[in-house]
Every structure is written in C-alpha cells, then in structure tokens.
Amino acid sequence: LPVRADIANRFLLNIQSIAELNLRNPKSAIRKLRFALEIDPYCPVINTNLAIAYFADNRREEAREYIYRGLNEAEEYGLDTSFHHFFITQVLTRRR
C-alpha cells in the first residue's frame, strides 16, 4: 500500500522529536512537533509529545495546554488516557 507523504512526515517528525528529547534538546523537539501539528493538529500522540517537550523545556503552561489537547483527542479516538491523567496529576501538579 502506498503511504501518504503527510502521514509519513508526521510520523518521522514525531520520531525525530523523541530522539531530540533523549538528547536533552527540547527546543528542537518542540520545533519538530509544532511542524507535525501543522500536518495533523488533532493527532493525540503529537499533542501529548509536545506537552512532554514543553515540560522538558520548563514551560509548564504550554505543557498543560497540550496534555489536555492530547487527552481530548485520545478520548475522541477511544484511546487509553492513563498516561495523560498521570502526567496531569503527578507531573504538572508537582512543585518545581
């Protein structure tokens, strides 16, 4: 089956952003994920990973915004949301 270029690009940007986070480069991960959101703004995985990248960059408000976007989209698709709830209750509510 042929793969649509936009889906492939979104997937590759997500994988690259995870590599950037592993290299402790959240700003680069954020750039890649923001571009991926231009391709598919409703992707729960991209929104969730963007929340993680913002959190890694000490940008808690943006992290909060995108974890809730990821949660809402995951619920729309009927996906497991346990990570979202963990992130909201255990990570975002923690004091610095």
C-alpha atoms as a PDB file:
ATOM      1  CA  LEU A   1       0.000   0.000   0.000  1.00  0.00           C
ATOM      2  CA  PRO A   2       1.284   3.495  -0.772  1.00  0.00           C
ATOM      3  CA  VAL A   3       1.916   5.773   2.205  1.00  0.00           C
ATOM      4  CA  ARG A   4       0.646   9.336   2.131  1.00  0.00           C
ATOM      5  CA  ALA A   5       3.535  11.786   2.385  1.00  0.00           C
ATOM      6  CA  ASP A   6       1.866  13.908   5.064  1.00  0.00           C
ATOM      7  CA  ILE A   7       1.351  10.895   7.334  1.00  0.00           C
ATOM      8  CA  ALA A   8       4.929   9.743   6.771  1.00  0.00           C
ATOM      9  CA  ASN A   9       6.262  13.231   7.503  1.00  0.00           C
ATOM     10  CA  ARG A  10       4.222  13.497  10.697  1.00  0.00           C
ATOM     11  CA  PHE A  11       5.491  10.099  11.817  1.00  0.00           C
ATOM     12  CA  LEU A  12       9.132  10.985  11.055  1.00  0.00           C
ATOM     13  CA  LEU A  13       8.886  14.346  12.828  1.00  0.00           C
ATOM     14  CA  ASN A  14       7.488  12.589  15.890  1.00  0.00           C
ATOM     15  CA  ILE A  15      10.314  10.031  15.904  1.00  0.00           C
ATOM     16  CA  GLN A  16      12.901  12.791  15.435  1.00  0.00           C
ATOM     17  CA  SER A  17      11.388  14.770  18.297  1.00  0.00           C
ATOM     18  CA  ILE A  18      11.677  11.768  20.627  1.00  0.00           C
ATOM     19  CA  ALA A  19      15.346  11.476  19.657  1.00  0.00           C
ATOM     20  CA  GLU A  20      15.809  15.191  20.394  1.00  0.00           C
ATOM     21  CA  LEU A  21      14.217  14.754  23.820  1.00  0.00           C
ATOM     22  CA  ASN A  22      16.523  11.812  24.534  1.00  0.00           C
ATOM     23  CA  LEU A  23      19.435  14.090  23.610  1.00  0.00           C
ATOM     24  CA  ARG A  24      18.082  16.691  26.038  1.00  0.00           C
ATOM     25  CA  ASN A  25      17.238  19.134  23.277  1.00  0.00           C
ATOM     26  CA  PRO A  26      13.596  20.055  23.961  1.00  0.00           C
ATOM     27  CA  LYS A  27      13.637  23.235  21.852  1.00  0.00           C
ATOM     28  CA  SER A  28      14.424  21.225  18.723  1.00  0.00           C
ATOM     29  CA  ALA A  29      11.759  18.667  19.679  1.00  0.00           C
ATOM     30  CA  ILE A  30       9.215  21.471  20.086  1.00  0.00           C
ATOM     31  CA  ARG A  31      10.027  22.868  16.631  1.00  0.00           C
ATOM     32  CA  LYS A  32       9.572  19.458  15.020  1.00  0.00           C
ATOM     33  CA  LEU A  33       6.342  18.734  16.875  1.00  0.00           C
ATOM     34  CA  ARG A  34       4.868  22.166  16.074  1.00  0.00           C
ATOM     35  CA  PHE A  35       5.529  21.427  12.401  1.00  0.00           C
ATOM     36  CA  ALA A  36       3.922  17.986  12.781  1.00  0.00           C
ATOM     37  CA  LEU A  37       0.848  19.666  14.275  1.00  0.00           C
ATOM     38  CA  GLU A  38       0.541  21.790  11.146  1.00  0.00           C
ATOM     39  CA  ILE A  39       0.154  18.499   9.258  1.00  0.00           C
ATOM     40  CA  ASP A  40      -2.319  16.997  11.736  1.00  0.00           C
ATOM     41  CA  PRO A  41      -3.477  19.265  14.583  1.00  0.00           C
ATOM     42  CA  TYR A  42      -5.748  16.553  16.013  1.00  0.00           C
ATOM     43  CA  CYS A  43      -3.147  13.826  16.481  1.00  0.00           C
ATOM     44  CA  PRO A  44      -3.232  12.792  20.153  1.00  0.00           C
ATOM     45  CA  VAL A  45       0.332  11.431  20.061  1.00  0.00           C
ATOM     46  CA  ILE A  46       1.795  14.660  18.679  1.00  0.00           C
ATOM     47  CA  ASN A  47      -0.130  16.809  21.176  1.00  0.00           C
ATOM     48  CA  THR A  48       0.961  14.587  24.054  1.00  0.00           C
ATOM     49  CA  ASN A  49       4.604  14.536  22.978  1.00  0.00           C
ATOM     50  CA  LEU A  50       4.520  18.305  22.596  1.00  0.00           C
ATOM     51  CA  ALA A  51       3.338  18.537  26.213  1.00  0.00           C
ATOM     52  CA  ILE A  52       6.314  16.422  27.277  1.00  0.00           C
ATOM     53  CA  ALA A  53       8.708  18.582  25.244  1.00  0.00           C
ATOM     54  CA  TYR A  54       7.322  21.789  26.733  1.00  0.00           C
ATOM     55  CA  PHE A  55       7.631  20.316  30.215  1.00  0.00           C
ATOM     56  CA  ALA A  56      11.239  19.332  29.496  1.00  0.00           C
ATOM     57  CA  ASP A  57      11.824  22.969  28.469  1.00  0.00           C
ATOM     58  CA  ASN A  58      10.321  24.183  31.788  1.00  0.00           C
ATOM     59  CA  ARG A  59       7.281  25.623  30.033  1.00  0.00           C
ATOM     60  CA  ARG A  60       4.565  24.256  32.292  1.00  0.00           C
ATOM     61  CA  GLU A  61       1.645  26.307  30.970  1.00  0.00           C
ATOM     62  CA  GLU A  62       2.252  25.167  27.404  1.00  0.00           C
ATOM     63  CA  ALA A  63       2.716  21.609  28.683  1.00  0.00           C
ATOM     64  CA  ARG A  64      -0.642  21.855  30.431  1.00  0.00           C
ATOM     65  CA  GLU A  65      -2.354  23.147  27.272  1.00  0.00           C
ATOM     66  CA  TYR A  66      -1.038  20.334  25.082  1.00  0.00           C
ATOM     67  CA  ILE A  67      -1.537  17.496  27.546  1.00  0.00           C
ATOM     68  CA  TYR A  68      -5.210  18.470  27.691  1.00  0.00           C
ATOM     69  CA  ARG A  69      -5.361  18.637  23.895  1.00  0.00           C
ATOM     70  CA  GLY A  70      -3.786  15.183  23.732  1.00  0.00           C
ATOM     71  CA  LEU A  71      -6.218  13.897  26.340  1.00  0.00           C
ATOM     72  CA  ASN A  72      -9.239  15.250  24.487  1.00  0.00           C
ATOM     73  CA  GLU A  73      -8.101  13.821  21.162  1.00  0.00           C
ATOM     74  CA  ALA A  74      -7.241  10.450  22.728  1.00  0.00           C
ATOM     75  CA  GLU A  75     -10.727  10.283  24.227  1.00  0.00           C
ATOM     76  CA  GLU A  76     -12.233  11.130  20.818  1.00  0.00           C
ATOM     77  CA  TYR A  77     -10.362   8.184  19.281  1.00  0.00           C
ATOM     78  CA  GLY A  78     -11.199   5.893  22.191  1.00  0.00           C
ATOM     79  CA  LEU A  79      -7.546   5.506  23.174  1.00  0.00           C
ATOM     80  CA  ASP A  80      -6.093   4.781  26.605  1.00  0.00           C
ATOM     81  CA  THR A  81      -5.708   8.021  28.570  1.00  0.00           C
ATOM     82  CA  SER A  82      -3.971   6.726  31.691  1.00  0.00           C
ATOM     83  CA  PHE A  83      -0.680   8.442  30.786  1.00  0.00           C
ATOM     84  CA  HIS A  84      -2.465  11.773  30.333  1.00  0.00           C
ATOM     85  CA  HIS A  85      -4.058  11.501  33.762  1.00  0.00           C
ATOM     86  CA  PHE A  86      -0.742  10.510  35.314  1.00  0.00           C
ATOM     87  CA  PHE A  87       1.017  13.460  33.652  1.00  0.00           C
ATOM     88  CA  ILE A  88      -1.671  15.892  34.814  1.00  0.00           C
ATOM     89  CA  THR A  89      -1.903  14.654  38.398  1.00  0.00           C
ATOM     90  CA  GLN A  90       1.665  13.606  39.135  1.00  0.00           C
ATOM     91  CA  VAL A  91       3.861  15.798  36.938  1.00  0.00           C
ATOM     92  CA  LEU A  92       2.095  19.092  36.325  1.00  0.00           C
ATOM     93  CA  THR A  93       0.848  19.476  39.885  1.00  0.00           C
ATOM     94  CA  ARG A  94       4.301  18.951  41.402  1.00  0.00           C
ATOM     95  CA  ARG A  95       6.093  21.975  42.704  1.00  0.00           C
ATOM     96  CA  ARG A  96       9.350  22.816  40.987  1.00  0.00           C
END
